[in-house]
Amino acid sequence: MEQSRIGTTPGEALAVVTICFGLMIWYSVDAALAGYPLTPITDASFLWLIVNELTLAAVALLVLRARGFAIASLYPAPSVVGTLHGMGLFFLAWLAMALALAPFAGVPQPIDRMISEAKLSVAVIGLVAVVNAPFEEVFLLGFLVRGLQGFGVNTAMAVSLLVRVLCHLYQGPVGAMAVLVFGTVITLSFVISGKLWPAVFCHMLWDVVPFLWPHA
């Protein structure tokens, strides 16, 4: 079967979202409904996340390949220009988040306590960033946003942002709002430029900075 298709259908999109993010959405919604019980972040929990995401990504890519999807189109293409773009996106997203969340400054959120009490090695933080950022952006942007644009750009963006926020409800209302702001910035960048690597690199920084500089 020719691997040339980059568009997707609602059914295929739902299947891939279920494979890649179904477990995380279930955990996240359950945590929100349970009142945000503290879940310690440790090297062991992050290593489990890495294995889980690599496994789910492999399954999703195999399914898409079997259905004739252009798998190669999903892979980020690192470049110096794209990396600089990603750094700029990071600071833009950080500024947008600071402005949007200013009214809630000082309101304690579950994610703040999770980060402050995290027990992580630098190596694991870096490894998670290298795996988690591509995993989320390949499927949320490269697959969902681009694949659903045949139904309208606004629809494609809304579906992707909804999945992103549902996966991060465990961070608390303000934390989920921060994720929405961050996601909006990098999604708009992807829609405008068509380049995935800047969003991936921006996300990598987003995964690293809070743990290395928790008060940034």
N, C-alpha and C. Protein backbone atom coordinates (compact mmCIF):
# COMPACT_ATOMS: atom_id res chain seq x y z
N MET A 1 0.84 -1.19 0.00
CA MET A 1 0.00 0.00 0.00
C MET A 1 0.88 1.25 0.00
N GLU A 2 0.56 2.22 -0.85
CA GLU A 2 1.35 3.43 -0.94
C GLU A 2 1.20 4.28 0.32
N GLN A 3 2.33 4.66 0.85
CA GLN A 3 2.32 5.46 2.08
C GLN A 3 2.35 6.95 1.71
N SER A 4 1.24 7.50 1.29
CA SER A 4 1.23 8.87 0.80
C SER A 4 0.15 9.74 1.44
N ARG A 5 -0.71 9.15 2.21
CA ARG A 5 -1.84 9.89 2.78
C ARG A 5 -1.43 10.62 4.05
N ILE A 6 -1.80 11.91 4.16
CA ILE A 6 -1.52 12.66 5.39
C ILE A 6 -2.81 13.14 6.04
N GLY A 7 -3.94 13.06 5.34
CA GLY A 7 -5.22 13.40 5.93
C GLY A 7 -5.76 12.22 6.71
N THR A 8 -6.66 12.48 7.63
CA THR A 8 -7.24 11.41 8.42
C THR A 8 -8.75 11.56 8.49
N THR A 9 -9.40 10.56 9.03
CA THR A 9 -10.85 10.58 9.20
C THR A 9 -11.16 10.70 10.69
N PRO A 10 -12.38 11.10 11.05
CA PRO A 10 -12.73 11.16 12.47
C PRO A 10 -12.54 9.83 13.18
N GLY A 11 -12.90 8.74 12.51
CA GLY A 11 -12.75 7.43 13.14
C GLY A 11 -11.30 7.07 13.37
N GLU A 12 -10.46 7.31 12.38
CA GLU A 12 -9.04 7.02 12.53
C GLU A 12 -8.41 7.92 13.58
N ALA A 13 -8.81 9.19 13.58
CA ALA A 13 -8.28 10.11 14.58
C ALA A 13 -8.65 9.67 15.99
N LEU A 14 -9.89 9.23 16.16
CA LEU A 14 -10.33 8.75 17.47
C LEU A 14 -9.54 7.52 17.90
N ALA A 15 -9.28 6.64 16.94
CA ALA A 15 -8.53 5.42 17.26
C ALA A 15 -7.11 5.75 17.72
N VAL A 16 -6.45 6.65 17.01
CA VAL A 16 -5.07 7.01 17.37
C VAL A 16 -5.04 7.76 18.70
N VAL A 17 -6.00 8.65 18.92
CA VAL A 17 -6.07 9.36 20.20
C VAL A 17 -6.28 8.37 21.34
N THR A 18 -7.13 7.39 21.12
CA THR A 18 -7.39 6.38 22.16
C THR A 18 -6.13 5.58 22.46
N ILE A 19 -5.41 5.20 21.41
CA ILE A 19 -4.17 4.43 21.60
C ILE A 19 -3.13 5.27 22.35
N CYS A 20 -2.90 6.47 21.87
CA CYS A 20 -1.80 7.28 22.40
C CYS A 20 -2.13 7.99 23.72
N PHE A 21 -3.36 8.45 23.84
CA PHE A 21 -3.68 9.32 24.97
C PHE A 21 -4.83 8.83 25.85
N GLY A 22 -5.45 7.73 25.47
CA GLY A 22 -6.59 7.24 26.23
C GLY A 22 -6.28 6.98 27.69
N LEU A 23 -5.18 6.31 27.95
CA LEU A 23 -4.81 6.00 29.34
C LEU A 23 -4.51 7.27 30.12
N MET A 24 -3.84 8.22 29.50
CA MET A 24 -3.50 9.46 30.18
C MET A 24 -4.74 10.29 30.45
N ILE A 25 -5.65 10.32 29.51
CA ILE A 25 -6.90 11.07 29.72
C ILE A 25 -7.69 10.45 30.86
N TRP A 26 -7.77 9.14 30.90
CA TRP A 26 -8.49 8.46 31.98
C TRP A 26 -7.85 8.79 33.33
N TYR A 27 -6.53 8.70 33.41
CA TYR A 27 -5.83 9.00 34.66
C TYR A 27 -6.05 10.46 35.07
N SER A 28 -5.95 11.36 34.09
CA SER A 28 -6.06 12.78 34.36
C SER A 28 -7.45 13.16 34.84
N VAL A 29 -8.48 12.67 34.16
CA VAL A 29 -9.86 12.96 34.56
C VAL A 29 -10.15 12.36 35.93
N ASP A 30 -9.66 11.14 36.15
CA ASP A 30 -9.87 10.48 37.44
C ASP A 30 -9.21 11.28 38.57
N ALA A 31 -8.02 11.81 38.33
CA ALA A 31 -7.33 12.60 39.34
C ALA A 31 -8.11 13.87 39.66
N ALA A 32 -8.65 14.51 38.63
CA ALA A 32 -9.44 15.73 38.84
C ALA A 32 -10.70 15.43 39.64
N LEU A 33 -11.38 14.34 39.30
CA LEU A 33 -12.61 13.98 40.01
C LEU A 33 -12.33 13.56 41.45
N ALA A 34 -11.12 13.04 41.70
CA ALA A 34 -10.76 12.57 43.04
C ALA A 34 -10.19 13.69 43.91
N GLY A 35 -10.18 14.90 43.38
CA GLY A 35 -9.68 16.02 44.18
C GLY A 35 -8.18 16.22 44.10
N TYR A 36 -7.56 15.75 43.05
CA TYR A 36 -6.13 15.94 42.80
C TYR A 36 -5.24 15.34 43.90
N PRO A 37 -5.33 14.04 44.11
CA PRO A 37 -4.42 13.42 45.08
C PRO A 37 -2.98 13.55 44.62
N LEU A 38 -2.07 13.77 45.55
CA LEU A 38 -0.67 13.97 45.19
C LEU A 38 -0.07 12.67 44.66
N THR A 39 0.47 12.73 43.47
CA THR A 39 1.15 11.60 42.87
C THR A 39 2.63 11.95 42.78
N PRO A 40 3.47 11.30 43.57
CA PRO A 40 4.90 11.64 43.56
C PRO A 40 5.52 11.47 42.18
N ILE A 41 6.36 12.41 41.79
CA ILE A 41 7.12 12.30 40.54
C ILE A 41 8.51 11.82 40.90
N THR A 42 8.86 10.65 40.43
CA THR A 42 10.16 10.06 40.71
C THR A 42 10.80 9.57 39.42
N ASP A 43 12.06 9.17 39.51
CA ASP A 43 12.72 8.59 38.34
C ASP A 43 11.94 7.37 37.83
N ALA A 44 11.45 6.57 38.76
CA ALA A 44 10.73 5.35 38.38
C ALA A 44 9.45 5.68 37.61
N SER A 45 8.69 6.69 38.09
CA SER A 45 7.44 7.04 37.42
C SER A 45 7.70 7.64 36.05
N PHE A 46 8.78 8.40 35.91
CA PHE A 46 9.11 8.99 34.62
C PHE A 46 9.65 7.94 33.65
N LEU A 47 10.39 6.98 34.17
CA LEU A 47 10.88 5.90 33.30
C LEU A 47 9.71 5.05 32.80
N TRP A 48 8.71 4.86 33.67
CA TRP A 48 7.50 4.15 33.22
C TRP A 48 6.81 4.95 32.12
N LEU A 49 6.76 6.27 32.26
CA LEU A 49 6.15 7.12 31.24
C LEU A 49 6.88 6.97 29.91
N ILE A 50 8.19 6.93 29.95
CA ILE A 50 8.99 6.80 28.73
C ILE A 50 8.68 5.48 28.02
N VAL A 51 8.71 4.39 28.77
CA VAL A 51 8.41 3.08 28.18
C VAL A 51 7.00 3.04 27.62
N ASN A 52 6.07 3.61 28.36
CA ASN A 52 4.67 3.62 27.95
C ASN A 52 4.50 4.40 26.64
N GLU A 53 5.10 5.58 26.56
CA GLU A 53 4.95 6.40 25.36
C GLU A 53 5.63 5.78 24.16
N LEU A 54 6.79 5.19 24.35
CA LEU A 54 7.46 4.54 23.23
C LEU A 54 6.65 3.36 22.71
N THR A 55 6.04 2.62 23.62
CA THR A 55 5.22 1.48 23.22
C THR A 55 3.97 1.92 22.48
N LEU A 56 3.28 2.91 23.03
CA LEU A 56 2.06 3.40 22.40
C LEU A 56 2.34 4.05 21.05
N ALA A 57 3.46 4.76 20.96
CA ALA A 57 3.83 5.38 19.68
C ALA A 57 4.07 4.31 18.62
N ALA A 58 4.76 3.24 19.01
CA ALA A 58 5.04 2.17 18.06
C ALA A 58 3.75 1.53 17.57
N VAL A 59 2.81 1.30 18.48
CA VAL A 59 1.52 0.69 18.10
C VAL A 59 0.76 1.62 17.16
N ALA A 60 0.69 2.90 17.51
CA ALA A 60 -0.05 3.86 16.68
C ALA A 60 0.57 3.98 15.30
N LEU A 61 1.89 4.04 15.22
CA LEU A 61 2.55 4.17 13.93
C LEU A 61 2.36 2.92 13.08
N LEU A 62 2.36 1.75 13.70
CA LEU A 62 2.12 0.51 12.96
C LEU A 62 0.70 0.50 12.39
N VAL A 63 -0.26 0.96 13.19
CA VAL A 63 -1.64 1.02 12.73
C VAL A 63 -1.76 1.98 11.55
N LEU A 64 -1.16 3.14 11.67
CA LEU A 64 -1.23 4.13 10.60
C LEU A 64 -0.52 3.65 9.34
N ARG A 65 0.61 3.00 9.52
CA ARG A 65 1.35 2.48 8.38
C ARG A 65 0.52 1.43 7.64
N ALA A 66 -0.12 0.56 8.40
CA ALA A 66 -0.96 -0.48 7.79
C ALA A 66 -2.13 0.11 7.02
N ARG A 67 -2.54 1.31 7.40
CA ARG A 67 -3.66 1.97 6.74
C ARG A 67 -3.23 2.91 5.63
N GLY A 68 -1.92 2.91 5.33
CA GLY A 68 -1.43 3.70 4.22
C GLY A 68 -1.09 5.14 4.53
N PHE A 69 -0.94 5.45 5.80
CA PHE A 69 -0.60 6.82 6.19
C PHE A 69 0.88 7.07 5.91
N ALA A 70 1.22 8.31 5.53
CA ALA A 70 2.61 8.67 5.25
C ALA A 70 3.35 8.89 6.58
N ILE A 71 3.87 7.82 7.13
CA ILE A 71 4.53 7.87 8.44
C ILE A 71 5.69 8.85 8.46
N ALA A 72 6.47 8.89 7.40
CA ALA A 72 7.64 9.76 7.37
C ALA A 72 7.26 11.22 7.53
N SER A 73 6.05 11.58 7.16
CA SER A 73 5.61 12.97 7.27
C SER A 73 5.43 13.40 8.72
N LEU A 74 5.38 12.44 9.63
CA LEU A 74 5.17 12.75 11.05
C LEU A 74 6.46 13.03 11.79
N TYR A 75 7.58 12.69 11.20
CA TYR A 75 8.84 12.81 11.92
C TYR A 75 9.34 14.26 11.91
N PRO A 76 9.71 14.80 13.07
CA PRO A 76 10.27 16.16 13.11
C PRO A 76 11.60 16.21 12.35
N ALA A 77 11.90 17.33 11.77
CA ALA A 77 13.16 17.51 11.04
C ALA A 77 14.00 18.57 11.75
N PRO A 78 14.89 18.15 12.66
CA PRO A 78 15.69 19.12 13.42
C PRO A 78 16.54 19.99 12.51
N SER A 79 16.67 21.25 12.88
CA SER A 79 17.52 22.18 12.15
C SER A 79 17.91 23.30 13.10
N VAL A 80 18.97 24.02 12.74
CA VAL A 80 19.41 25.14 13.57
C VAL A 80 18.34 26.22 13.61
N VAL A 81 17.80 26.55 12.44
CA VAL A 81 16.76 27.58 12.37
C VAL A 81 15.54 27.15 13.17
N GLY A 82 15.16 25.87 13.03
CA GLY A 82 14.00 25.36 13.75
C GLY A 82 14.22 25.37 15.26
N THR A 83 15.46 25.10 15.67
CA THR A 83 15.79 25.12 17.10
C THR A 83 15.67 26.54 17.66
N LEU A 84 16.19 27.51 16.91
CA LEU A 84 16.08 28.91 17.34
C LEU A 84 14.61 29.34 17.38
N HIS A 85 13.85 28.89 16.40
CA HIS A 85 12.41 29.16 16.37
C HIS A 85 11.75 28.57 17.61
N GLY A 86 12.16 27.35 17.97
CA GLY A 86 11.60 26.70 19.14
C GLY A 86 11.92 27.45 20.42
N MET A 87 13.13 27.99 20.50
CA MET A 87 13.51 28.78 21.68
C MET A 87 12.65 30.03 21.78
N GLY A 88 12.43 30.67 20.63
CA GLY A 88 11.57 31.85 20.62
C GLY A 88 10.15 31.52 21.02
N LEU A 89 9.66 30.38 20.55
CA LEU A 89 8.32 29.93 20.92
C LEU A 89 8.22 29.71 22.42
N PHE A 90 9.27 29.15 22.99
CA PHE A 90 9.27 28.88 24.43
C PHE A 90 9.07 30.18 25.23
N PHE A 91 9.84 31.20 24.88
CA PHE A 91 9.73 32.47 25.61
C PHE A 91 8.39 33.14 25.33
N LEU A 92 7.89 33.01 24.10
CA LEU A 92 6.58 33.58 23.77
C LEU A 92 5.48 32.88 24.56
N ALA A 93 5.55 31.55 24.63
CA ALA A 93 4.55 30.79 25.38
C ALA A 93 4.63 31.11 26.87
N TRP A 94 5.84 31.27 27.37
CA TRP A 94 6.02 31.60 28.79
C TRP A 94 5.42 32.96 29.11
N LEU A 95 5.65 33.93 28.21
CA LEU A 95 5.09 35.27 28.40
C LEU A 95 3.57 35.24 28.32
N ALA A 96 3.04 34.52 27.32
CA ALA A 96 1.59 34.43 27.17
C ALA A 96 0.96 33.78 28.39
N MET A 97 1.62 32.75 28.92
CA MET A 97 1.11 32.08 30.11
C MET A 97 1.13 33.01 31.32
N ALA A 98 2.23 33.75 31.48
CA ALA A 98 2.34 34.67 32.62
C ALA A 98 1.24 35.72 32.58
N LEU A 99 0.95 36.24 31.39
CA LEU A 99 -0.09 37.26 31.26
C LEU A 99 -1.48 36.66 31.50
N ALA A 100 -1.73 35.49 30.93
CA ALA A 100 -3.05 34.87 31.04
C ALA A 100 -3.35 34.42 32.47
N LEU A 101 -2.31 34.00 33.19
CA LEU A 101 -2.52 33.45 34.53
C LEU A 101 -2.25 34.47 35.64
N ALA A 102 -1.92 35.70 35.27
CA ALA A 102 -1.63 36.72 36.28
C ALA A 102 -2.75 36.88 37.31
N PRO A 103 -4.02 36.82 36.92
CA PRO A 103 -5.09 36.95 37.92
C PRO A 103 -5.11 35.82 38.95
N PHE A 104 -4.44 34.71 38.64
CA PHE A 104 -4.45 33.55 39.54
C PHE A 104 -3.11 33.37 40.26
N ALA A 105 -2.27 34.38 40.19
CA ALA A 105 -0.96 34.29 40.84
C ALA A 105 -1.12 34.01 42.33
N GLY A 106 -0.36 33.06 42.81
CA GLY A 106 -0.42 32.72 44.23
C GLY A 106 -1.44 31.69 44.59
N VAL A 107 -2.31 31.33 43.64
CA VAL A 107 -3.31 30.28 43.90
C VAL A 107 -2.61 28.92 43.80
N PRO A 108 -2.52 28.15 44.88
CA PRO A 108 -1.81 26.87 44.83
C PRO A 108 -2.48 25.89 43.89
N GLN A 109 -1.67 25.18 43.14
CA GLN A 109 -2.16 24.18 42.19
C GLN A 109 -1.44 22.86 42.40
N PRO A 110 -2.08 21.75 42.10
CA PRO A 110 -1.45 20.44 42.28
C PRO A 110 -0.10 20.33 41.58
N ILE A 111 0.02 20.90 40.38
CA ILE A 111 1.27 20.77 39.64
C ILE A 111 2.42 21.45 40.36
N ASP A 112 2.14 22.55 41.07
CA ASP A 112 3.20 23.24 41.81
C ASP A 112 3.80 22.34 42.88
N ARG A 113 2.93 21.65 43.60
CA ARG A 113 3.41 20.76 44.66
C ARG A 113 4.12 19.54 44.07
N MET A 114 3.60 19.05 42.95
CA MET A 114 4.23 17.90 42.32
C MET A 114 5.65 18.23 41.89
N ILE A 115 5.84 19.42 41.33
CA ILE A 115 7.17 19.82 40.88
C ILE A 115 8.09 20.08 42.06
N SER A 116 7.59 20.77 43.08
CA SER A 116 8.43 21.12 44.23
C SER A 116 8.88 19.88 45.01
N GLU A 117 8.07 18.83 44.99
CA GLU A 117 8.39 17.61 45.75
C GLU A 117 8.94 16.50 44.86
N ALA A 118 9.19 16.81 43.60
CA ALA A 118 9.71 15.80 42.67
C ALA A 118 11.11 15.37 43.07
N LYS A 119 11.38 14.09 42.91
CA LYS A 119 12.70 13.54 43.18
C LYS A 119 13.22 12.92 41.89
N LEU A 120 13.92 13.75 41.11
CA LEU A 120 14.33 13.34 39.78
C LEU A 120 15.82 13.60 39.55
N SER A 121 16.44 12.74 38.78
CA SER A 121 17.81 12.97 38.35
C SER A 121 17.79 13.78 37.06
N VAL A 122 18.85 14.52 36.82
CA VAL A 122 18.94 15.34 35.61
C VAL A 122 18.85 14.47 34.36
N ALA A 123 19.46 13.29 34.41
CA ALA A 123 19.45 12.39 33.26
C ALA A 123 18.03 11.98 32.88
N VAL A 124 17.22 11.66 33.88
CA VAL A 124 15.84 11.23 33.60
C VAL A 124 15.00 12.41 33.11
N ILE A 125 15.22 13.59 33.67
CA ILE A 125 14.50 14.77 33.19
C ILE A 125 14.78 14.98 31.70
N GLY A 126 16.06 14.89 31.33
CA GLY A 126 16.43 15.06 29.93
C GLY A 126 15.85 13.97 29.05
N LEU A 127 15.85 12.74 29.54
CA LEU A 127 15.32 11.62 28.75
C LEU A 127 13.82 11.76 28.53
N VAL A 128 13.11 12.19 29.56
CA VAL A 128 11.67 12.40 29.42
C VAL A 128 11.39 13.48 28.38
N ALA A 129 12.14 14.56 28.42
CA ALA A 129 11.94 15.64 27.46
C ALA A 129 12.15 15.14 26.03
N VAL A 130 13.17 14.32 25.84
CA VAL A 130 13.50 13.81 24.50
C VAL A 130 12.42 12.87 23.97
N VAL A 131 11.74 12.17 24.87
CA VAL A 131 10.70 11.21 24.44
C VAL A 131 9.32 11.85 24.47
N ASN A 132 8.98 12.53 25.56
CA ASN A 132 7.62 13.03 25.74
C ASN A 132 7.25 14.12 24.73
N ALA A 133 8.17 15.07 24.51
CA ALA A 133 7.86 16.17 23.60
C ALA A 133 7.57 15.69 22.18
N PRO A 134 8.43 14.87 21.57
CA PRO A 134 8.10 14.36 20.24
C PRO A 134 6.83 13.53 20.23
N PHE A 135 6.63 12.72 21.26
CA PHE A 135 5.44 11.87 21.33
C PHE A 135 4.17 12.71 21.26
N GLU A 136 4.07 13.72 22.11
CA GLU A 136 2.86 14.53 22.13
C GLU A 136 2.70 15.35 20.85
N GLU A 137 3.76 15.98 20.38
CA GLU A 137 3.60 16.87 19.24
C GLU A 137 3.46 16.12 17.92
N VAL A 138 4.08 14.97 17.79
CA VAL A 138 3.90 14.17 16.57
C VAL A 138 2.43 13.81 16.38
N PHE A 139 1.78 13.40 17.47
CA PHE A 139 0.40 12.95 17.35
C PHE A 139 -0.62 14.08 17.52
N LEU A 140 -0.32 15.09 18.33
CA LEU A 140 -1.26 16.18 18.53
C LEU A 140 -1.21 17.20 17.38
N LEU A 141 -0.01 17.45 16.87
CA LEU A 141 0.14 18.41 15.78
C LEU A 141 0.32 17.73 14.43
N GLY A 142 1.38 16.93 14.33
CA GLY A 142 1.68 16.29 13.05
C GLY A 142 0.57 15.41 12.53
N PHE A 143 -0.09 14.70 13.43
CA PHE A 143 -1.19 13.83 13.00
C PHE A 143 -2.55 14.51 13.08
N LEU A 144 -2.94 14.97 14.28
CA LEU A 144 -4.30 15.50 14.45
C LEU A 144 -4.52 16.83 13.73
N VAL A 145 -3.70 17.82 14.01
CA VAL A 145 -3.94 19.14 13.42
C VAL A 145 -3.83 19.08 11.90
N ARG A 146 -2.75 18.50 11.41
CA ARG A 146 -2.60 18.43 9.96
C ARG A 146 -3.61 17.47 9.33
N GLY A 147 -3.83 16.34 9.99
CA GLY A 147 -4.72 15.33 9.43
C GLY A 147 -6.17 15.75 9.36
N LEU A 148 -6.60 16.61 10.29
CA LEU A 148 -8.00 17.02 10.34
C LEU A 148 -8.26 18.37 9.68
N GLN A 149 -7.27 18.95 9.04
CA GLN A 149 -7.46 20.27 8.43
C GLN A 149 -8.48 20.24 7.29
N GLY A 150 -8.74 19.06 6.75
CA GLY A 150 -9.77 18.96 5.74
C GLY A 150 -11.15 19.29 6.29
N PHE A 151 -11.31 19.25 7.60
CA PHE A 151 -12.57 19.60 8.25
C PHE A 151 -12.56 21.04 8.74
N GLY A 152 -11.49 21.77 8.40
CA GLY A 152 -11.36 23.17 8.82
C GLY A 152 -10.23 23.32 9.83
N VAL A 153 -9.45 24.36 9.67
CA VAL A 153 -8.31 24.58 10.57
C VAL A 153 -8.78 24.75 12.01
N ASN A 154 -9.84 25.50 12.21
CA ASN A 154 -10.34 25.74 13.58
C ASN A 154 -10.76 24.43 14.24
N THR A 155 -11.41 23.56 13.47
CA THR A 155 -11.83 22.26 14.02
C THR A 155 -10.62 21.43 14.39
N ALA A 156 -9.63 21.40 13.50
CA ALA A 156 -8.42 20.61 13.75
C ALA A 156 -7.70 21.10 15.00
N MET A 157 -7.58 22.42 15.13
CA MET A 157 -6.92 22.98 16.31
C MET A 157 -7.71 22.69 17.58
N ALA A 158 -9.03 22.84 17.50
CA ALA A 158 -9.86 22.63 18.69
C ALA A 158 -9.78 21.20 19.19
N VAL A 159 -9.80 20.23 18.27
CA VAL A 159 -9.72 18.82 18.66
C VAL A 159 -8.38 18.54 19.34
N SER A 160 -7.30 19.02 18.73
CA SER A 160 -5.96 18.80 19.28
C SER A 160 -5.82 19.44 20.66
N LEU A 161 -6.29 20.67 20.81
CA LEU A 161 -6.18 21.36 22.09
C LEU A 161 -7.03 20.69 23.16
N LEU A 162 -8.20 20.18 22.76
CA LEU A 162 -9.05 19.47 23.72
C LEU A 162 -8.34 18.24 24.26
N VAL A 163 -7.74 17.46 23.38
CA VAL A 163 -7.02 16.26 23.81
C VAL A 163 -5.86 16.65 24.71
N ARG A 164 -5.14 17.70 24.34
CA ARG A 164 -3.98 18.15 25.13
C ARG A 164 -4.41 18.53 26.55
N VAL A 165 -5.48 19.30 26.66
CA VAL A 165 -5.94 19.75 27.97
C VAL A 165 -6.47 18.58 28.80
N LEU A 166 -7.22 17.68 28.17
CA LEU A 166 -7.74 16.52 28.90
C LEU A 166 -6.62 15.67 29.49
N CYS A 167 -5.50 15.61 28.78
CA CYS A 167 -4.36 14.83 29.26
C CYS A 167 -3.69 15.47 30.46
N HIS A 168 -3.95 16.76 30.68
CA HIS A 168 -3.24 17.49 31.74
C HIS A 168 -4.17 18.06 32.81
N LEU A 169 -5.38 17.56 32.91
CA LEU A 169 -6.30 18.03 33.94
C LEU A 169 -5.77 17.76 35.35
N TYR A 170 -4.93 16.75 35.50
CA TYR A 170 -4.39 16.41 36.81
C TYR A 170 -3.56 17.56 37.39
N GLN A 171 -3.17 18.52 36.55
CA GLN A 171 -2.35 19.63 37.03
C GLN A 171 -3.17 20.69 37.76
N GLY A 172 -4.48 20.54 37.75
CA GLY A 172 -5.34 21.53 38.39
C GLY A 172 -5.90 22.50 37.37
N PRO A 173 -6.94 23.27 37.73
CA PRO A 173 -7.58 24.19 36.77
C PRO A 173 -6.62 25.20 36.17
N VAL A 174 -5.78 25.82 37.01
CA VAL A 174 -4.85 26.81 36.49
C VAL A 174 -3.75 26.13 35.67
N GLY A 175 -3.32 24.96 36.13
CA GLY A 175 -2.33 24.21 35.37
C GLY A 175 -2.85 23.83 34.00
N ALA A 176 -4.12 23.41 33.93
CA ALA A 176 -4.73 23.05 32.65
C ALA A 176 -4.84 24.28 31.75
N MET A 177 -5.12 25.44 32.36
CA MET A 177 -5.19 26.68 31.59
C MET A 177 -3.82 27.03 31.01
N ALA A 178 -2.78 26.79 31.79
CA ALA A 178 -1.42 27.04 31.31
C ALA A 178 -1.12 26.14 30.12
N VAL A 179 -1.54 24.89 30.20
CA VAL A 179 -1.34 23.95 29.10
C VAL A 179 -2.09 24.42 27.85
N LEU A 180 -3.30 24.96 28.05
CA LEU A 180 -4.08 25.48 26.92
C LEU A 180 -3.36 26.64 26.25
N VAL A 181 -2.82 27.55 27.05
CA VAL A 181 -2.09 28.70 26.49
C VAL A 181 -0.86 28.21 25.73
N PHE A 182 -0.09 27.35 26.36
CA PHE A 182 1.10 26.79 25.73
C PHE A 182 0.73 26.09 24.42
N GLY A 183 -0.30 25.24 24.48
CA GLY A 183 -0.71 24.50 23.31
C GLY A 183 -1.18 25.40 22.18
N THR A 184 -1.87 26.48 22.53
CA THR A 184 -2.36 27.41 21.52
C THR A 184 -1.20 28.07 20.78
N VAL A 185 -0.18 28.47 21.53
CA VAL A 185 0.98 29.13 20.92
C VAL A 185 1.69 28.21 19.94
N ILE A 186 1.99 26.99 20.35
CA ILE A 186 2.74 26.12 19.45
C ILE A 186 1.87 25.56 18.33
N THR A 187 0.56 25.44 18.58
CA THR A 187 -0.33 24.97 17.52
C THR A 187 -0.44 26.02 16.42
N LEU A 188 -0.58 27.29 16.80
CA LEU A 188 -0.63 28.36 15.82
C LEU A 188 0.67 28.42 15.03
N SER A 189 1.79 28.24 15.71
CA SER A 189 3.08 28.24 15.03
C SER A 189 3.14 27.12 14.00
N PHE A 190 2.65 25.94 14.36
CA PHE A 190 2.68 24.82 13.44
C PHE A 190 1.77 25.05 12.24
N VAL A 191 0.58 25.59 12.49
CA VAL A 191 -0.37 25.85 11.41
C VAL A 191 0.21 26.88 10.43
N ILE A 192 0.87 27.90 10.96
CA ILE A 192 1.42 28.96 10.12
C ILE A 192 2.66 28.50 9.35
N SER A 193 3.56 27.81 10.04
CA SER A 193 4.84 27.45 9.42
C SER A 193 4.85 26.08 8.77
N GLY A 194 4.00 25.18 9.28
CA GLY A 194 4.02 23.80 8.79
C GLY A 194 5.20 23.00 9.31
N LYS A 195 6.00 23.60 10.19
CA LYS A 195 7.20 22.94 10.72
C LYS A 195 6.91 22.38 12.11
N LEU A 196 7.27 21.11 12.30
CA LEU A 196 7.00 20.44 13.57
C LEU A 196 8.14 20.59 14.58
N TRP A 197 9.37 20.64 14.10
CA TRP A 197 10.50 20.66 15.01
C TRP A 197 10.49 21.84 16.00
N PRO A 198 10.16 23.07 15.58
CA PRO A 198 10.12 24.16 16.57
C PRO A 198 9.19 23.88 17.73
N ALA A 199 8.02 23.29 17.45
CA ALA A 199 7.08 22.95 18.52
C ALA A 199 7.65 21.87 19.42
N VAL A 200 8.32 20.90 18.82
CA VAL A 200 8.92 19.81 19.60
C VAL A 200 10.02 20.35 20.51
N PHE A 201 10.89 21.19 19.97
CA PHE A 201 11.99 21.72 20.78
C PHE A 201 11.46 22.62 21.89
N CYS A 202 10.44 23.44 21.56
CA CYS A 202 9.81 24.28 22.57
C CYS A 202 9.26 23.42 23.70
N HIS A 203 8.60 22.32 23.35
CA HIS A 203 8.03 21.42 24.35
C HIS A 203 9.12 20.77 25.18
N MET A 204 10.24 20.44 24.56
CA MET A 204 11.36 19.85 25.30
C MET A 204 11.83 20.82 26.39
N LEU A 205 11.97 22.09 26.03
CA LEU A 205 12.36 23.10 27.02
C LEU A 205 11.30 23.20 28.11
N TRP A 206 10.03 23.13 27.70
CA TRP A 206 8.91 23.24 28.66
C TRP A 206 8.93 22.09 29.65
N ASP A 207 9.41 20.93 29.24
CA ASP A 207 9.48 19.77 30.12
C ASP A 207 10.68 19.83 31.07
N VAL A 208 11.72 20.56 30.66
CA VAL A 208 12.96 20.59 31.45
C VAL A 208 12.99 21.74 32.45
N VAL A 209 12.68 22.93 31.98
CA VAL A 209 12.85 24.14 32.80
C VAL A 209 12.16 24.09 34.16
N PRO A 210 10.88 23.68 34.25
CA PRO A 210 10.22 23.70 35.57
C PRO A 210 10.91 22.83 36.62
N PHE A 211 11.58 21.76 36.18
CA PHE A 211 12.23 20.87 37.15
C PHE A 211 13.64 21.34 37.51
N LEU A 212 14.33 21.97 36.56
CA LEU A 212 15.67 22.46 36.86
C LEU A 212 15.63 23.83 37.52
N TRP A 213 14.64 24.64 37.15
CA TRP A 213 14.46 25.97 37.75
C TRP A 213 13.01 26.09 38.17
N PRO A 214 12.62 25.45 39.28
CA PRO A 214 11.22 25.38 39.68
C PRO A 214 10.56 26.73 39.94
N HIS A 215 11.35 27.77 40.15
CA HIS A 215 10.74 29.08 40.45
C HIS A 215 10.83 30.03 39.25
N ALA A 216 11.19 29.46 38.07
CA ALA A 216 11.30 30.30 36.87
C ALA A 216 9.92 30.76 36.42
